[in-house]
Amino acid sequence: MNQIYRDTIDAMEKKGVNPEYLNGWACGFLHNPKREEQRLNEAYDAGFKDGWDKKTDGFTAWVKK
């Protein structure tokens, strides 16, 4: 599981994924609690859900253009 985490984070960083999505994904993957409500946003929520579900390919929609 650690290798999947590292490989996915590395791929997201190299592709320039929105940092809010990346942070949400990492927190969800590790089953950390969500951040406080006033700091939530669409990218973080999407990342958190994908990370929680161990989805490693959902980040393509969040690559910065």
N, C-alpha and C. Protein backbone atom coordinates (compact mmCIF):
# COMPACT_ATOMS: atom_id res chain seq x y z
N MET A 1 0.82 -1.19 0.00
CA MET A 1 0.00 0.00 0.00
C MET A 1 0.87 1.26 0.00
N ASN A 2 1.99 1.23 0.69
CA ASN A 2 2.86 2.39 0.71
C ASN A 2 3.39 2.73 -0.68
N GLN A 3 3.66 1.69 -1.47
CA GLN A 3 4.18 1.94 -2.82
C GLN A 3 3.10 2.56 -3.70
N ILE A 4 1.87 2.13 -3.56
CA ILE A 4 0.76 2.71 -4.33
C ILE A 4 0.62 4.19 -3.97
N TYR A 5 0.69 4.49 -2.69
CA TYR A 5 0.59 5.88 -2.22
C TYR A 5 1.70 6.72 -2.84
N ARG A 6 2.94 6.27 -2.73
CA ARG A 6 4.09 7.03 -3.26
C ARG A 6 4.00 7.19 -4.77
N ASP A 7 3.68 6.12 -5.47
CA ASP A 7 3.60 6.18 -6.93
C ASP A 7 2.51 7.14 -7.40
N THR A 8 1.37 7.12 -6.73
CA THR A 8 0.26 7.99 -7.12
C THR A 8 0.58 9.45 -6.83
N ILE A 9 1.14 9.75 -5.65
CA ILE A 9 1.53 11.12 -5.32
C ILE A 9 2.56 11.61 -6.33
N ASP A 10 3.55 10.77 -6.65
CA ASP A 10 4.59 11.13 -7.61
C ASP A 10 3.98 11.45 -8.98
N ALA A 11 3.07 10.61 -9.44
CA ALA A 11 2.43 10.83 -10.74
C ALA A 11 1.63 12.13 -10.74
N MET A 12 0.91 12.39 -9.65
CA MET A 12 0.12 13.62 -9.58
C MET A 12 1.02 14.86 -9.58
N GLU A 13 2.12 14.81 -8.83
CA GLU A 13 3.05 15.95 -8.79
C GLU A 13 3.67 16.20 -10.16
N LYS A 14 4.07 15.15 -10.85
CA LYS A 14 4.70 15.29 -12.17
C LYS A 14 3.73 15.85 -13.21
N LYS A 15 2.44 15.53 -13.07
CA LYS A 15 1.45 16.00 -14.04
C LYS A 15 0.89 17.37 -13.67
N GLY A 16 1.25 17.90 -12.50
CA GLY A 16 0.79 19.22 -12.10
C GLY A 16 -0.65 19.25 -11.64
N VAL A 17 -1.04 18.26 -10.87
CA VAL A 17 -2.41 18.19 -10.35
C VAL A 17 -2.64 19.31 -9.34
N ASN A 18 -3.86 19.82 -9.32
CA ASN A 18 -4.26 20.85 -8.36
C ASN A 18 -3.84 20.41 -6.96
N PRO A 19 -3.09 21.26 -6.23
CA PRO A 19 -2.62 20.87 -4.91
C PRO A 19 -3.74 20.58 -3.90
N GLU A 20 -4.89 21.20 -4.08
CA GLU A 20 -6.02 20.92 -3.19
C GLU A 20 -6.53 19.50 -3.39
N TYR A 21 -6.58 19.07 -4.66
CA TYR A 21 -6.99 17.69 -4.95
C TYR A 21 -5.97 16.72 -4.36
N LEU A 22 -4.70 17.00 -4.59
CA LEU A 22 -3.62 16.13 -4.13
C LEU A 22 -3.68 15.99 -2.60
N ASN A 23 -3.85 17.10 -1.90
CA ASN A 23 -3.93 17.07 -0.45
C ASN A 23 -5.14 16.26 0.02
N GLY A 24 -6.27 16.48 -0.64
CA GLY A 24 -7.47 15.71 -0.29
C GLY A 24 -7.29 14.24 -0.54
N TRP A 25 -6.66 13.89 -1.67
CA TRP A 25 -6.42 12.49 -1.99
C TRP A 25 -5.56 11.83 -0.93
N ALA A 26 -4.48 12.50 -0.55
CA ALA A 26 -3.57 11.94 0.46
C ALA A 26 -4.29 11.73 1.79
N CYS A 27 -5.07 12.72 2.20
CA CYS A 27 -5.81 12.59 3.47
C CYS A 27 -6.83 11.47 3.40
N GLY A 28 -7.54 11.37 2.30
CA GLY A 28 -8.51 10.29 2.16
C GLY A 28 -7.86 8.93 2.10
N PHE A 29 -6.77 8.81 1.36
CA PHE A 29 -6.07 7.53 1.22
C PHE A 29 -5.59 7.02 2.57
N LEU A 30 -5.12 7.95 3.40
CA LEU A 30 -4.60 7.59 4.72
C LEU A 30 -5.70 7.54 5.79
N HIS A 31 -6.93 7.81 5.36
CA HIS A 31 -8.10 7.83 6.26
C HIS A 31 -7.92 8.83 7.39
N ASN A 32 -7.28 9.96 7.08
CA ASN A 32 -7.19 11.07 8.02
C ASN A 32 -8.55 11.77 8.07
N PRO A 33 -8.82 12.49 9.14
CA PRO A 33 -10.08 13.25 9.17
C PRO A 33 -10.05 14.38 8.14
N LYS A 34 -11.23 14.73 7.63
CA LYS A 34 -11.31 15.86 6.70
C LYS A 34 -10.92 17.13 7.41
N ARG A 35 -10.41 18.09 6.65
CA ARG A 35 -10.08 19.38 7.24
C ARG A 35 -11.36 20.09 7.66
N GLU A 36 -11.21 21.17 8.41
CA GLU A 36 -12.37 21.88 8.93
C GLU A 36 -13.21 22.45 7.79
N GLU A 37 -14.49 22.57 8.04
CA GLU A 37 -15.48 22.88 7.01
C GLU A 37 -15.17 24.15 6.21
N GLN A 38 -14.69 25.19 6.86
CA GLN A 38 -14.44 26.45 6.14
C GLN A 38 -13.27 26.34 5.15
N ARG A 39 -12.48 25.29 5.24
CA ARG A 39 -11.35 25.12 4.31
C ARG A 39 -11.62 24.07 3.23
N LEU A 40 -12.83 23.51 3.20
CA LEU A 40 -13.18 22.52 2.18
C LEU A 40 -13.46 23.23 0.86
N ASN A 41 -13.17 22.54 -0.23
CA ASN A 41 -13.51 23.04 -1.56
C ASN A 41 -13.72 21.85 -2.48
N GLU A 42 -14.16 22.13 -3.68
CA GLU A 42 -14.52 21.06 -4.63
C GLU A 42 -13.34 20.13 -4.92
N ALA A 43 -12.16 20.70 -5.16
CA ALA A 43 -11.00 19.88 -5.49
C ALA A 43 -10.61 18.98 -4.32
N TYR A 44 -10.57 19.55 -3.12
CA TYR A 44 -10.21 18.77 -1.93
C TYR A 44 -11.22 17.63 -1.73
N ASP A 45 -12.51 17.95 -1.81
CA ASP A 45 -13.55 16.93 -1.62
C ASP A 45 -13.43 15.80 -2.63
N ALA A 46 -13.18 16.15 -3.90
CA ALA A 46 -13.04 15.12 -4.94
C ALA A 46 -11.81 14.25 -4.65
N GLY A 47 -10.72 14.88 -4.27
CA GLY A 47 -9.51 14.12 -3.94
C GLY A 47 -9.71 13.23 -2.74
N PHE A 48 -10.37 13.76 -1.72
CA PHE A 48 -10.62 12.97 -0.50
C PHE A 48 -11.44 11.73 -0.83
N LYS A 49 -12.48 11.90 -1.62
CA LYS A 49 -13.33 10.75 -1.98
C LYS A 49 -12.54 9.71 -2.78
N ASP A 50 -11.77 10.18 -3.77
CA ASP A 50 -10.97 9.24 -4.58
C ASP A 50 -9.93 8.53 -3.72
N GLY A 51 -9.27 9.27 -2.83
CA GLY A 51 -8.27 8.66 -1.97
C GLY A 51 -8.90 7.64 -1.03
N TRP A 52 -10.04 8.00 -0.44
CA TRP A 52 -10.75 7.09 0.47
C TRP A 52 -11.11 5.79 -0.24
N ASP A 53 -11.52 5.92 -1.51
CA ASP A 53 -11.89 4.75 -2.31
C ASP A 53 -10.68 4.05 -2.93
N LYS A 54 -9.48 4.55 -2.64
CA LYS A 54 -8.22 4.01 -3.18
C LYS A 54 -8.18 4.09 -4.70
N LYS A 55 -8.86 5.09 -5.25
CA LYS A 55 -8.88 5.31 -6.70
C LYS A 55 -7.62 6.08 -7.10
N THR A 56 -6.83 5.50 -7.99
CA THR A 56 -5.54 6.11 -8.34
C THR A 56 -5.53 6.80 -9.70
N ASP A 57 -6.66 6.82 -10.37
CA ASP A 57 -6.67 7.41 -11.72
C ASP A 57 -7.70 8.54 -11.87
N GLY A 58 -8.26 9.01 -10.78
CA GLY A 58 -9.29 10.05 -10.86
C GLY A 58 -8.74 11.46 -10.95
N PHE A 59 -7.43 11.60 -10.88
CA PHE A 59 -6.84 12.93 -10.81
C PHE A 59 -6.71 13.63 -12.16
N THR A 60 -6.92 12.94 -13.26
CA THR A 60 -6.69 13.55 -14.57
C THR A 60 -7.55 14.79 -14.81
N ALA A 61 -8.74 14.81 -14.21
CA ALA A 61 -9.61 15.99 -14.37
C ALA A 61 -9.08 17.18 -13.58
N TRP A 62 -8.11 16.97 -12.69
CA TRP A 62 -7.62 18.05 -11.83
C TRP A 62 -6.21 18.49 -12.21
N VAL A 63 -5.74 18.09 -13.39
CA VAL A 63 -4.43 18.56 -13.87
C VAL A 63 -4.57 20.03 -14.27
N LYS A 64 -3.65 20.85 -13.78
CA LYS A 64 -3.70 22.29 -14.11
C LYS A 64 -3.42 22.47 -15.58
N LYS A 65 -4.19 23.34 -16.20
CA LYS A 65 -4.01 23.58 -17.63
C LYS A 65 -3.19 24.81 -17.86
